[in-house]
Protein backbone atom coordinates (compact mmCIF):
# COMPACT_ATOMS: atom_id res chain seq x y z
CA MET A 1 12.15 -17.25 -2.71
CA GLU A 2 12.09 -13.75 -1.21
CA LYS A 3 11.47 -10.89 -3.60
CA ASN A 4 13.59 -7.76 -3.59
CA PRO A 5 11.38 -4.68 -2.97
CA ALA A 6 13.44 -2.76 -5.54
CA GLU A 7 11.84 -5.00 -8.19
CA PHE A 8 8.52 -3.28 -7.52
CA PHE A 9 9.35 0.12 -6.02
CA ALA A 10 11.61 2.96 -7.09
CA LEU A 11 14.19 3.42 -4.31
CA PRO A 12 12.94 6.87 -3.18
CA VAL A 13 9.48 5.35 -2.72
CA LEU A 14 10.87 2.77 -0.30
CA GLU A 15 12.21 5.64 1.80
CA ASP A 16 8.83 7.43 1.65
CA LEU A 17 7.07 4.26 2.87
CA LYS A 18 9.55 3.81 5.70
CA LYS A 19 9.28 7.44 6.86
CA ALA A 20 5.48 7.37 6.89
CA ILE A 21 5.38 4.12 8.86
CA GLU A 22 7.95 5.43 11.33
CA SER A 23 5.95 8.65 11.77
CA ASN A 24 2.98 6.46 12.79
CA GLN A 25 5.12 4.65 15.39
CA GLY A 26 5.11 1.53 13.25
CA GLY A 27 1.32 1.32 13.00
CA GLU A 28 -0.54 0.49 9.82
CA VAL A 29 -0.52 3.10 7.07
CA PHE A 30 -2.74 3.07 4.00
CA PHE A 31 -0.94 4.35 0.90
CA ILE A 32 -1.98 5.03 -2.65
CA GLY A 33 0.64 4.60 -5.35
CA PHE A 34 1.27 5.28 -8.99
CA VAL A 35 3.16 3.10 -11.46
CA ASN A 36 5.52 4.30 -14.17
CA PRO A 37 4.34 2.36 -17.25
CA GLU A 38 7.85 2.26 -18.72
CA THR A 39 9.65 0.83 -15.69
CA ARG A 40 6.57 -0.92 -14.26
CA LYS A 41 7.67 0.23 -10.82
CA ILE A 42 5.78 2.21 -8.23
CA THR A 43 7.37 5.65 -8.51
CA GLU A 44 5.09 7.70 -6.29
CA VAL A 45 3.21 7.03 -3.06
CA GLU A 46 1.06 9.07 -0.74
CA ALA A 47 0.30 8.13 2.86
CA VAL A 48 -3.45 8.65 3.00
CA VAL A 49 -4.68 7.17 6.30
CA PHE A 50 -2.87 6.27 9.53
CA GLY A 51 -4.21 3.36 11.60
CA ASN A 52 -3.10 1.49 14.69
CA GLN A 53 -1.06 -1.68 15.23
CA SER A 54 -3.75 -3.98 13.83
CA MET A 55 -5.79 -2.09 11.23
CA THR A 56 -6.21 1.01 9.13
CA PRO A 57 -9.28 2.42 7.41
CA VAL A 58 -9.47 2.70 3.64
CA PHE A 59 -10.11 6.05 1.98
CA LEU A 60 -12.04 4.62 -0.96
CA GLU A 61 -12.31 7.87 -2.94
CA LYS A 62 -8.51 8.23 -2.92
CA ALA A 63 -7.97 4.52 -3.52
CA VAL A 64 -9.91 4.45 -6.79
CA SER A 65 -7.79 7.31 -8.14
CA ALA A 66 -4.58 5.29 -7.77
CA ASP A 67 -2.87 2.51 -9.70
CA VAL A 68 -2.18 0.54 -6.54
CA VAL A 69 -2.93 0.63 -2.82
CA ILE A 70 -0.49 -0.55 -0.17
CA HIS A 71 -0.62 -1.04 3.56
CA ASN A 72 1.80 -2.53 5.99
CA HIS A 73 1.27 -5.23 8.63
CA PRO A 74 3.27 -4.28 11.75
CA SER A 75 2.89 -7.81 13.14
CA GLY A 76 5.00 -9.18 10.28
CA ASN A 77 2.18 -11.60 9.40
CA LEU A 78 1.62 -10.89 5.72
CA GLN A 79 -1.42 -13.13 5.36
CA PRO A 80 -4.27 -10.86 4.25
CA SER A 81 -7.16 -10.49 6.68
CA HIS A 82 -10.74 -11.13 5.66
CA GLU A 83 -11.18 -7.35 5.37
CA ASP A 84 -8.03 -7.07 3.22
CA LEU A 85 -9.40 -9.64 0.79
CA GLN A 86 -12.78 -7.92 0.62
CA MET A 87 -11.14 -4.57 -0.13
CA ALA A 88 -8.84 -6.16 -2.72
CA ASP A 89 -11.89 -7.61 -4.46
CA ILE A 90 -13.67 -4.26 -4.53
CA LEU A 91 -10.64 -2.34 -5.77
CA MET A 92 -9.42 -4.86 -8.34
CA ASN A 93 -12.73 -6.01 -9.79
CA HIS A 94 -14.67 -2.77 -9.65
CA ALA A 95 -12.04 -0.04 -10.02
CA GLY A 96 -9.03 -1.72 -11.68
CA VAL A 97 -6.73 -0.85 -8.76
CA SER A 98 -4.06 -3.32 -7.62
CA PHE A 99 -3.93 -4.18 -3.94
């Protein structure tokens, strides 16, 4: 079953994500985000690092200040890479940040 992005993101945030990705010609973008505890939705994002079509660096100092980090996969393959899983482990288990 496909999830509706509006379940997780406030609608203006979806537009912010789209604009940042488009400004990077569809390449990967690393975002930090903040969750509204009442709605449990991501209500604010910041595009922090712009990558290429296959990867983006992580700005760890910014990442640990967020509630969640997000990055897109231009290929459409949403399986996390080995590096994605390593970063998720670091952020979730050592900084309490969702990935």
